[in-house]
Amino acid sequence: MNIFYKNIGENKFFLKPDSALVKGSKDFYVPGYIEGVIFSPSLVFRINRSSKCTESRFARRYYNEVSYGININDYRFRKNNCSDFFDLVKLTIFDNSCYAGDEFFLPDQYKITGNINLAIDGIVALTCSIPENILEEANLAIELISGYCSMKSGDLIYIQLGEVEELRKDVRLSLSHCESESTHSEELLFDFRIK
């Protein structure tokens, strides 16, 4: 299984090993060489058919499930001060840094509309609106990624919706989904500690 991730609006993607995948809300232990991390709320699309060089207009045939997720990187990843490619890779590939929800659902459900709130110690640090064109973003991601890499059933694509930089340990991170701004009820998706 491969894990790919890209930010909305960027024409590049990154890879993580399958050892990065975490299901559910297990605590995250910051590796000793990292001073702080970036949390990226994401939608996670699961590939259901092998794909190679797939145009975006056909990409919808290659995924059938989506969930919520959080991608974690070293905060220096966004500073663009890496001396070489290996330095860049070290900032992104550490174990247990890609959280995916236990529940995957059809991509045409209401769950891919509304807002995702990321809170640190109970205080909302970031609210991301899920774009109306999120499926187009997934389609473009498949076109981009499959142009370079063969994609197989079970592969995951994280479409990152935003970023929060956090330089402290010993905080509680939670992610919730709100169907609309007029609805005040939230569905808690993740709740775990950064240690």
Protein backbone atom coordinates (compact mmCIF):
# COMPACT_ATOMS: atom_id res chain seq x y z
CA MET A 1 0.00 0.00 0.00
CA ASN A 2 1.23 3.48 -0.87
CA ILE A 3 0.34 6.73 0.90
CA PHE A 4 0.36 9.88 -1.20
CA TYR A 5 -0.44 13.37 -0.04
CA LYS A 6 -0.78 16.79 -1.62
CA ASN A 7 -2.04 20.20 -0.62
CA ILE A 8 -4.98 21.74 -2.41
CA GLY A 9 -3.84 23.98 -5.23
CA GLU A 10 -0.27 22.64 -5.34
CA ASN A 11 1.03 20.75 -8.36
CA LYS A 12 3.26 18.39 -6.40
CA PHE A 13 2.79 15.39 -4.17
CA PHE A 14 4.74 13.49 -1.54
CA LEU A 15 4.96 9.87 -0.44
CA LYS A 16 4.93 8.19 2.94
CA PRO A 17 5.65 4.54 3.78
CA ASP A 18 2.79 2.29 4.92
CA SER A 19 4.31 2.34 8.43
CA ALA A 20 3.07 5.93 8.67
CA LEU A 21 -0.60 4.83 8.67
CA VAL A 22 -2.56 4.99 11.93
CA LYS A 23 -6.20 3.93 12.23
CA GLY A 24 -8.25 5.75 14.83
CA SER A 25 -7.16 7.99 17.69
CA LYS A 26 -3.89 6.60 19.03
CA ASP A 27 -1.51 8.99 20.77
CA PHE A 28 1.30 10.39 18.61
CA TYR A 29 4.84 10.28 19.99
CA VAL A 30 7.03 13.00 18.50
CA PRO A 31 10.41 11.56 17.42
CA GLY A 32 13.31 12.88 19.49
CA TYR A 33 14.95 14.75 16.62
CA ILE A 34 11.81 16.82 15.89
CA GLU A 35 11.18 20.13 17.67
CA GLY A 36 7.64 20.70 16.42
CA VAL A 37 5.11 19.43 13.92
CA ILE A 38 2.59 20.54 11.31
CA PHE A 39 -0.91 19.11 11.56
CA SER A 40 -2.84 18.95 8.28
CA PRO A 41 -6.55 18.05 8.33
CA SER A 42 -7.26 16.03 5.21
CA LEU A 43 -9.77 14.06 3.25
CA VAL A 44 -8.45 10.57 2.51
CA PHE A 45 -9.43 8.89 -0.76
CA ARG A 46 -8.97 5.13 -1.10
CA ILE A 47 -8.04 3.77 -4.53
CA ASN A 48 -10.09 0.73 -5.59
CA ARG A 49 -8.54 -0.09 -9.01
CA SER A 50 -5.04 -0.08 -10.43
CA SER A 51 -4.24 3.12 -12.26
CA LYS A 52 -1.38 4.37 -14.42
CA CYS A 53 -1.34 7.62 -16.44
CA THR A 54 -5.04 8.27 -15.75
CA GLU A 55 -6.52 11.54 -16.97
CA SER A 56 -8.55 13.49 -14.42
CA ARG A 57 -11.78 13.09 -16.42
CA PHE A 58 -11.57 9.31 -15.88
CA ALA A 59 -10.16 9.39 -12.35
CA ARG A 60 -13.53 9.04 -10.59
CA ARG A 61 -13.55 5.39 -11.70
CA TYR A 62 -10.50 4.66 -9.54
CA TYR A 63 -11.75 5.53 -6.04
CA ASN A 64 -14.99 4.70 -4.25
CA GLU A 65 -14.40 5.61 -0.61
CA VAL A 66 -13.32 8.64 1.37
CA SER A 67 -12.64 9.34 5.04
CA TYR A 68 -11.13 12.04 7.21
CA GLY A 69 -7.49 12.17 8.19
CA ILE A 70 -4.62 14.10 9.70
CA ASN A 71 -1.15 14.20 8.19
CA ILE A 72 1.75 15.14 10.46
CA ASN A 73 5.10 16.49 9.24
CA ASP A 74 8.12 18.10 10.88
CA TYR A 75 7.49 21.87 10.97
CA ARG A 76 10.78 22.49 9.11
CA PHE A 77 9.20 20.84 6.06
CA ARG A 78 7.52 24.15 5.18
CA LYS A 79 10.60 26.27 5.89
CA ASN A 80 12.24 25.18 2.60
CA ASN A 81 15.70 25.24 4.14
CA CYS A 82 16.62 21.61 3.54
CA SER A 83 20.20 21.15 2.41
CA ASP A 84 19.43 18.10 0.27
CA PHE A 85 16.65 15.74 -0.76
CA PHE A 86 17.36 13.30 2.06
CA ASP A 87 16.80 16.09 4.61
CA LEU A 88 13.41 16.76 3.05
CA VAL A 89 12.45 13.09 3.16
CA LYS A 90 13.43 12.80 6.85
CA LEU A 91 10.96 15.55 7.73
CA THR A 92 7.99 13.70 6.26
CA ILE A 93 8.32 9.92 6.44
CA PHE A 94 8.35 9.07 10.14
CA ASP A 95 6.14 6.26 11.45
CA ASN A 96 2.57 6.73 12.68
CA SER A 97 2.17 10.19 11.12
CA CYS A 98 -0.85 9.64 8.82
CA TYR A 99 -4.13 9.23 10.69
CA ALA A 100 -7.11 7.82 8.81
CA GLY A 101 -10.64 7.42 10.12
CA ASP A 102 -12.03 4.01 10.97
CA GLU A 103 -15.05 4.71 8.78
CA PHE A 104 -14.81 5.18 5.01
CA PHE A 105 -17.91 6.29 3.13
CA LEU A 106 -19.11 6.99 -0.40
CA PRO A 107 -17.67 10.24 -1.79
CA ASP A 108 -21.08 11.63 -2.76
CA GLN A 109 -22.37 11.84 0.83
CA TYR A 110 -22.97 14.98 2.87
CA LYS A 111 -19.88 14.17 4.92
CA ILE A 112 -17.61 15.79 2.34
CA THR A 113 -19.31 19.16 2.73
CA GLY A 114 -19.19 21.66 5.58
CA ASN A 115 -16.24 22.42 7.85
CA ILE A 116 -13.50 20.52 9.60
CA ASN A 117 -12.30 21.99 12.90
CA LEU A 118 -8.91 21.16 14.34
CA ALA A 119 -8.57 21.98 18.05
CA ILE A 120 -5.51 22.01 20.29
CA ASP A 121 -6.29 21.53 23.97
CA GLY A 122 -9.96 22.20 23.24
CA ILE A 123 -9.39 25.53 21.46
CA VAL A 124 -10.11 25.60 17.73
CA ALA A 125 -6.82 26.40 15.99
CA LEU A 126 -8.02 25.94 12.41
CA THR A 127 -11.33 25.73 10.57
CA CYS A 128 -11.17 24.35 7.04
CA SER A 129 -14.10 24.58 4.67
CA ILE A 130 -14.31 21.51 2.49
CA PRO A 131 -14.25 22.94 -1.04
CA GLU A 132 -17.21 22.27 -3.30
CA ASN A 133 -14.77 20.99 -5.93
CA ILE A 134 -13.05 18.51 -3.60
CA LEU A 135 -13.77 15.59 -5.96
CA GLU A 136 -12.15 17.55 -8.80
CA GLU A 137 -9.10 18.01 -6.54
CA ALA A 138 -9.01 14.23 -5.96
CA ASN A 139 -9.30 13.63 -9.71
CA LEU A 140 -6.42 16.02 -10.43
CA ALA A 141 -4.36 14.33 -7.73
CA ILE A 142 -4.87 10.95 -9.39
CA GLU A 143 -3.86 12.37 -12.76
CA LEU A 144 -0.71 13.91 -11.24
CA ILE A 145 0.31 10.91 -9.14
CA SER A 146 -0.52 8.20 -11.68
CA GLY A 147 1.63 10.02 -14.24
CA TYR A 148 4.67 9.11 -12.12
CA CYS A 149 3.63 6.12 -10.00
CA SER A 150 1.47 3.08 -10.57
CA MET A 151 -1.45 3.22 -8.15
CA LYS A 152 -2.95 0.03 -6.75
CA SER A 153 -6.13 -0.93 -4.95
CA GLY A 154 -5.85 0.09 -1.29
CA ASP A 155 -3.53 3.06 -1.87
CA LEU A 156 -4.51 6.24 -0.02
CA ILE A 157 -4.43 9.85 -1.21
CA TYR A 158 -4.51 12.57 1.46
CA ILE A 159 -5.85 15.87 0.15
CA GLN A 160 -4.68 18.38 2.74
CA LEU A 161 -7.13 21.18 3.50
CA GLY A 162 -4.94 23.39 5.71
CA GLU A 163 -2.05 23.43 8.18
CA VAL A 164 -1.39 24.31 11.79
CA GLU A 165 2.15 24.56 13.11
CA GLU A 166 2.52 23.51 16.74
CA LEU A 167 5.86 23.65 18.52
CA ARG A 168 4.76 22.14 21.84
CA LYS A 169 4.42 18.60 23.08
CA ASP A 170 1.91 17.38 25.65
CA VAL A 171 -1.13 18.80 23.88
CA ARG A 172 -4.44 17.17 22.99
CA LEU A 173 -5.41 17.25 19.33
CA SER A 174 -8.98 16.77 18.16
CA LEU A 175 -10.63 16.91 14.76
CA SER A 176 -14.35 17.29 14.21
CA HIS A 177 -16.74 17.71 11.29
CA CYS A 178 -19.57 20.22 11.20
CA GLU A 179 -22.10 19.72 8.40
CA SER A 180 -22.71 23.46 7.97
CA GLU A 181 -22.09 26.78 9.71
CA SER A 182 -25.76 26.97 10.73
CA THR A 183 -25.50 23.56 12.40
CA HIS A 184 -23.74 23.68 15.75
CA SER A 185 -23.55 19.92 16.25
CA GLU A 186 -20.14 18.43 15.52
CA GLU A 187 -19.04 14.88 14.90
CA LEU A 188 -15.78 14.12 16.72
CA LEU A 189 -13.44 12.31 14.35
CA PHE A 190 -10.11 12.14 16.20
CA ASP A 191 -9.06 12.86 19.75
CA PHE A 192 -5.52 12.01 20.89
CA ARG A 193 -2.48 13.40 22.64
CA ILE A 194 0.84 14.56 21.19
CA LYS A 195 3.59 13.29 23.47
